[in-house]
Structures are given as C-alpha cells and as structure tokens.
C-alpha cells in the first residue's frame, strides 16, 4: 500500500495511485508480525547506506536517494536509538522521510524517529485539507524551535495497492494514518530528484517546505504550526522550482 502511493502505476490507468510512477525502489524488512526490534531496524538502516549483494559485498553506489519510513515509536518521549542512522543518511544525501505518528490530537506527540531534527516528519490531512484527528502534533521533543511536523499530506481513506491471496494485487481504499501520508511526500522527493539529481538533502527539504501550500485552522492560526507544519506539499511547485519546460 505504501509503495503503491510512492510509485504505483496501473497499466490500464484506472487506478492512479503513485506520485512518482516509474521510480525504482529497494526495500529492507525490519519487521515481523511481532513488530520491529531495534537491532533489526538499525541493520536495515545500515544496509540502505550500502546495499549488499548475494555475496555480502556492499554497494554504496546503489543506495537510494530517499527512504520512506512509515513506522515510528511511542509518542511523547525522546528515543535516540535511530538518530545516528538518520544522521548518516543525511550525510550521504539520502532524504529521510518519516511518519509523524497517529497519537493526536495531543500536543508534543510526534514520535521518534520522526521527531529527530534531522528527519522530515509528515502529518496527515483529509480530502478537504483538514488535519486528521489522529495526526500527531508538535511542538518537537528536542526543541520548540525545531518544527514538527514539517509538512502534511493526504492520509485519510487512501486508495492504493495491496497483495491478494493469489499472490497478485488488488486496489483498496479506506486506509488511514500518517503512514499513508508519508509515501506521498517520498514520491514528491523522487519527482524532484528526477528533475535535478544534484539536489542535496538540505536543498530538497528547503524546497519541500518553501513550496508547500500553507494550511491553518481555528487551532493553528499561523504558518508554520504544530498541526500542519509548513502545509500541504505542492508537487508541481516543488518540481517546477528545479526544472524548466
């Protein structure tokens, strides 16, 4: 479902689900039915820096340009177990996009790793551009001046692809969460980098927030704010800022 939102495409063009159809992807699975353990998640993060082939040889040249993380920890407290991984990604100019969490509407509920200053945390809005009640809110756990969430994206009643029992896939709606919002932003980053592969991580983040459509409501009356961040990502403006024609 998440991968479909990033890059899914339907040959019959009946289900237009992916923000960046045609993008290439790799995955690392740090989760079982019991959840994710710290050492497995760290191993996945290290593998993303230099994916290993079947012989165990690392290939840093095959590292991804952006990593979608539709996962997070418990809300409301600092947990630095993954921070060095995220810092290493940024040092390698890999854009780290994380779900803000689904522990709203309480304040200071953006969970780690999304709460890290180095991460781009994504909140969820509905089809009317209204903040989802479940979407986690700022301020940030590290510093009130560290904006969290950073941006928001559609995350309520999302349609995308899911596996079916025969090993194929079907399209299903009704999926909600900041985990559904996050891949939309990841897809936009892929679009930006397809237009200009030389963009640094810092530049990508700057474009994302400066090109976002500002959003506010009765609870969040200025921009940026602790609900919508800098607002709804704007794919056209983000890509147009680095491309011509």
Protein backbone atom coordinates (compact mmCIF):
# COMPACT_ATOMS: atom_id res chain seq x y z
CA UNK A 1 0.00 0.00 0.00
CA UNK A 2 2.80 2.40 0.92
CA UNK A 3 4.91 1.53 -2.11
CA UNK A 4 1.88 1.98 -4.35
CA UNK A 5 1.42 5.52 -3.08
CA UNK A 6 5.07 6.29 -3.84
CA UNK A 7 5.37 4.88 -7.35
CA UNK A 8 2.46 2.61 -8.23
CA UNK A 9 1.06 2.65 -11.75
CA UNK A 10 -1.80 0.75 -13.34
CA UNK A 11 -1.26 -0.30 -16.99
CA UNK A 12 -4.94 0.36 -17.65
CA UNK A 13 -4.76 3.77 -15.97
CA UNK A 14 -7.88 3.05 -13.93
CA UNK A 15 -6.17 3.39 -10.55
CA UNK A 16 -3.81 6.35 -10.50
CA UNK A 17 -2.17 5.82 -7.12
CA UNK A 18 1.53 6.66 -7.38
CA UNK A 19 3.05 10.11 -7.03
CA UNK A 20 6.19 9.10 -8.98
CA UNK A 21 5.27 6.18 -11.25
CA UNK A 22 8.33 4.61 -12.81
CA UNK A 23 10.64 5.32 -9.89
CA UNK A 24 12.91 2.45 -8.86
CA UNK A 25 12.86 1.04 -5.34
CA UNK A 26 14.61 -1.26 -2.92
CA UNK A 27 13.30 -2.44 0.44
CA UNK A 28 14.67 -3.68 3.75
CA UNK A 29 12.30 -5.51 6.07
CA UNK A 30 12.99 -4.93 9.75
CA UNK A 31 9.57 -6.08 10.93
CA UNK A 32 7.81 -9.31 11.78
CA UNK A 33 4.27 -9.91 12.94
CA UNK A 34 5.57 -9.13 16.43
CA UNK A 35 6.80 -5.69 15.42
CA UNK A 36 10.27 -4.26 14.94
CA UNK A 37 13.33 -4.73 17.13
CA UNK A 38 15.97 -2.03 17.47
CA UNK A 39 18.85 -4.14 16.15
CA UNK A 40 16.89 -5.25 13.09
CA UNK A 41 15.87 -1.69 12.27
CA UNK A 42 19.44 -0.43 12.69
CA UNK A 43 20.68 -3.23 10.42
CA UNK A 44 18.15 -2.13 7.79
CA UNK A 45 19.30 1.47 8.10
CA UNK A 46 22.93 0.46 7.67
CA UNK A 47 22.05 -1.73 4.67
CA UNK A 48 20.36 1.23 2.99
CA UNK A 49 23.66 3.14 3.12
CA UNK A 50 25.42 0.36 1.20
CA UNK A 51 23.07 -2.40 -0.04
CA UNK A 52 24.77 -5.79 -0.08
CA UNK A 53 24.54 -8.26 -2.93
CA UNK A 54 24.02 -12.01 -2.58
CA UNK A 55 27.71 -12.44 -1.78
CA UNK A 56 27.59 -9.89 1.02
CA UNK A 57 29.52 -7.24 -0.90
CA UNK A 58 28.34 -3.70 -0.07
CA UNK A 59 27.42 -1.34 -2.90
CA UNK A 60 27.16 2.25 -1.66
CA UNK A 61 26.60 3.37 -5.26
CA UNK A 62 23.25 1.54 -5.11
CA UNK A 63 22.00 3.45 -2.07
CA UNK A 64 18.56 5.06 -2.51
CA UNK A 65 18.04 8.81 -2.85
CA UNK A 66 15.12 8.91 -0.40
CA UNK A 67 13.92 6.48 2.26
CA UNK A 68 10.27 6.18 3.26
CA UNK A 69 9.68 5.24 6.89
CA UNK A 70 6.04 4.54 7.64
CA UNK A 71 6.88 3.49 11.18
CA UNK A 72 7.77 5.07 14.49
CA UNK A 73 7.94 4.58 18.22
CA UNK A 74 5.76 5.58 21.13
CA UNK A 75 4.77 9.22 21.40
CA UNK A 76 5.89 11.76 23.95
CA UNK A 77 9.44 10.78 24.85
CA UNK A 78 12.91 11.03 23.32
CA UNK A 79 14.42 7.82 21.95
CA UNK A 80 17.78 8.33 20.22
CA UNK A 81 18.34 4.69 19.22
CA UNK A 82 17.94 5.51 15.49
CA UNK A 83 19.30 9.03 15.37
CA UNK A 84 22.83 8.13 14.22
CA UNK A 85 21.29 6.15 11.36
CA UNK A 86 19.25 9.16 10.22
CA UNK A 87 22.27 11.42 10.59
CA UNK A 88 24.32 9.01 8.46
CA UNK A 89 21.61 9.04 5.78
CA UNK A 90 21.67 12.82 5.65
CA UNK A 91 25.48 12.84 5.48
CA UNK A 92 25.12 10.62 2.41
CA UNK A 93 22.44 12.98 0.97
CA UNK A 94 19.71 10.40 1.45
CA UNK A 95 16.43 12.13 2.29
CA UNK A 96 14.83 10.65 5.47
CA UNK A 97 11.01 10.88 5.38
CA UNK A 98 9.14 9.64 8.47
CA UNK A 99 5.54 9.34 9.60
CA UNK A 100 4.75 11.83 12.35
CA UNK A 101 2.64 9.27 14.23
CA UNK A 102 -1.01 8.64 14.98
CA UNK A 103 -1.21 9.85 18.58
CA UNK A 104 -3.04 13.17 18.06
CA UNK A 105 -4.66 15.41 18.92
CA UNK A 106 -2.47 15.82 21.99
CA UNK A 107 0.49 18.18 21.90
CA UNK A 108 4.12 17.04 21.58
CA UNK A 109 3.05 13.64 20.21
CA UNK A 110 5.26 13.44 17.09
CA UNK A 111 7.16 10.23 17.75
CA UNK A 112 10.80 9.34 17.19
CA UNK A 113 12.44 8.92 14.72
CA UNK A 114 10.16 11.46 13.02
CA UNK A 115 10.79 13.88 15.88
CA UNK A 116 14.54 13.95 15.22
CA UNK A 117 15.76 17.34 13.98
CA UNK A 118 17.33 15.54 11.01
CA UNK A 119 14.10 13.81 9.93
CA UNK A 120 11.26 15.12 7.77
CA UNK A 121 8.06 14.32 9.70
CA UNK A 122 4.77 14.09 7.79
CA UNK A 123 1.32 14.71 9.25
CA UNK A 124 -1.99 13.60 7.73
CA UNK A 125 -4.89 15.59 6.26
CA UNK A 126 -8.19 14.52 4.71
CA UNK A 127 -9.68 15.22 1.27
CA UNK A 128 -10.80 18.67 2.46
CA UNK A 129 -7.29 19.61 3.60
CA UNK A 130 -8.40 19.34 7.24
CA UNK A 131 -5.93 17.89 9.73
CA UNK A 132 -6.77 14.31 10.69
CA UNK A 133 -7.75 13.99 14.35
CA UNK A 134 -5.24 11.15 14.81
CA UNK A 135 -2.29 13.02 13.28
CA UNK A 136 0.44 13.66 15.86
CA UNK A 137 1.21 17.26 16.78
CA UNK A 138 4.17 19.39 17.78
CA UNK A 139 5.98 21.05 19.34
CA UNK A 140 9.10 18.98 18.82
CA UNK A 141 10.57 16.82 21.55
CA UNK A 142 14.07 18.23 21.08
CA UNK A 143 13.47 21.94 20.83
CA UNK A 144 10.35 24.05 20.39
CA UNK A 145 12.15 25.81 17.55
CA UNK A 146 12.55 22.52 15.65
CA UNK A 147 9.38 22.46 13.53
CA UNK A 148 7.34 19.27 13.84
CA UNK A 149 5.60 18.07 11.82
CA UNK A 150 7.43 19.51 8.83
CA UNK A 151 4.74 19.09 6.17
CA UNK A 152 1.45 17.23 5.72
CA UNK A 153 -0.05 15.01 3.02
CA UNK A 154 -3.24 13.05 2.29
CA UNK A 155 -3.60 10.31 4.90
CA UNK A 156 -7.34 9.63 5.31
CA UNK A 157 -9.24 6.98 3.29
CA UNK A 158 -6.34 6.44 0.90
CA UNK A 159 -6.64 4.02 -2.03
CA UNK A 160 -3.58 2.05 -3.08
CA UNK A 161 -2.41 -1.45 -3.96
CA UNK A 162 -2.39 -4.40 -1.56
CA UNK A 163 -1.49 -8.06 -2.12
CA UNK A 164 -4.32 -10.53 -2.65
CA UNK A 165 -4.48 -14.19 -1.67
CA UNK A 166 -3.39 -15.40 -5.13
CA UNK A 167 -0.07 -13.58 -5.00
CA UNK A 168 -1.21 -10.72 -7.20
CA UNK A 169 -2.62 -7.42 -6.07
CA UNK A 170 -5.85 -5.51 -5.77
CA UNK A 171 -6.70 -1.86 -5.17
CA UNK A 172 -8.32 -0.98 -1.86
CA UNK A 173 -9.40 2.27 -0.26
CA UNK A 174 -10.13 3.18 3.34
CA UNK A 175 -6.57 3.13 4.63
CA UNK A 176 -5.73 5.96 7.06
CA UNK A 177 -2.71 7.08 9.04
CA UNK A 178 0.39 9.21 8.83
CA UNK A 179 1.97 6.07 7.37
CA UNK A 180 -0.31 6.63 4.37
CA UNK A 181 0.62 10.34 4.19
CA UNK A 182 4.38 9.80 4.32
CA UNK A 183 4.78 7.97 0.98
CA UNK A 184 3.15 10.86 -0.87
CA UNK A 185 5.98 13.11 0.28
CA UNK A 186 8.56 10.43 -0.57
CA UNK A 187 7.12 10.32 -4.09
CA UNK A 188 7.45 14.09 -4.46
CA UNK A 189 11.10 13.87 -3.43
CA UNK A 190 11.58 11.25 -6.16
CA UNK A 191 9.98 13.62 -8.69
CA UNK A 192 12.26 16.46 -7.60
CA UNK A 193 15.37 14.31 -7.92
CA UNK A 194 14.27 13.07 -11.32
CA UNK A 195 14.24 16.70 -12.42
CA UNK A 196 17.58 17.54 -10.78
CA UNK A 197 19.65 14.65 -9.43
CA UNK A 198 22.23 17.05 -7.99
CA UNK A 199 19.93 18.31 -5.24
CA UNK A 200 21.32 17.90 -1.74
CA UNK A 201 19.22 16.63 1.14
CA UNK A 202 19.16 20.09 2.70
CA UNK A 203 18.02 21.64 -0.58
CA UNK A 204 15.26 19.07 -1.01
CA UNK A 205 13.92 19.80 2.47
CA UNK A 206 14.09 23.53 1.87
CA UNK A 207 12.14 23.22 -1.38
CA UNK A 208 9.53 20.98 0.23
CA UNK A 209 8.71 23.49 2.94
CA UNK A 210 9.02 26.69 0.92
CA UNK A 211 6.83 25.37 -1.90
CA UNK A 212 4.18 23.87 0.42
CA UNK A 213 0.66 25.28 0.38
CA UNK A 214 0.16 26.90 3.82
CA UNK A 215 -2.65 25.38 5.89
CA UNK A 216 -4.18 26.57 9.14
CA UNK A 217 -7.42 26.34 11.09
CA UNK A 218 -9.05 27.63 14.26
CA UNK A 219 -6.50 25.81 16.41
CA UNK A 220 -3.47 26.64 14.28
CA UNK A 221 -3.75 30.22 13.12
CA UNK A 222 -0.24 30.90 11.80
CA UNK A 223 2.20 29.09 9.50
CA UNK A 224 4.22 27.06 10.22
CA UNK A 225 2.27 25.42 13.01
CA UNK A 226 2.26 22.30 15.15
CA UNK A 227 -0.54 20.62 13.22
CA UNK A 228 0.10 21.09 9.51
CA UNK A 229 3.75 22.12 9.68
CA UNK A 230 4.54 24.33 6.69
CA UNK A 231 1.47 22.94 4.95
CA UNK A 232 0.50 20.55 2.16
CA UNK A 233 3.33 19.61 -0.17
CA UNK A 234 2.91 21.04 -3.66
CA UNK A 235 4.34 18.60 -6.22
CA UNK A 236 4.09 20.95 -9.19
CA UNK A 237 5.71 23.91 -7.47
CA UNK A 238 8.41 21.75 -5.91
CA UNK A 239 9.45 20.23 -9.24
CA UNK A 240 8.97 23.48 -11.19
CA UNK A 241 11.41 25.21 -8.85
CA UNK A 242 14.23 22.96 -10.09
CA UNK A 243 13.11 22.23 -13.67
CA UNK A 244 12.21 24.19 -16.76
CA UNK A 245 9.96 23.46 -19.71
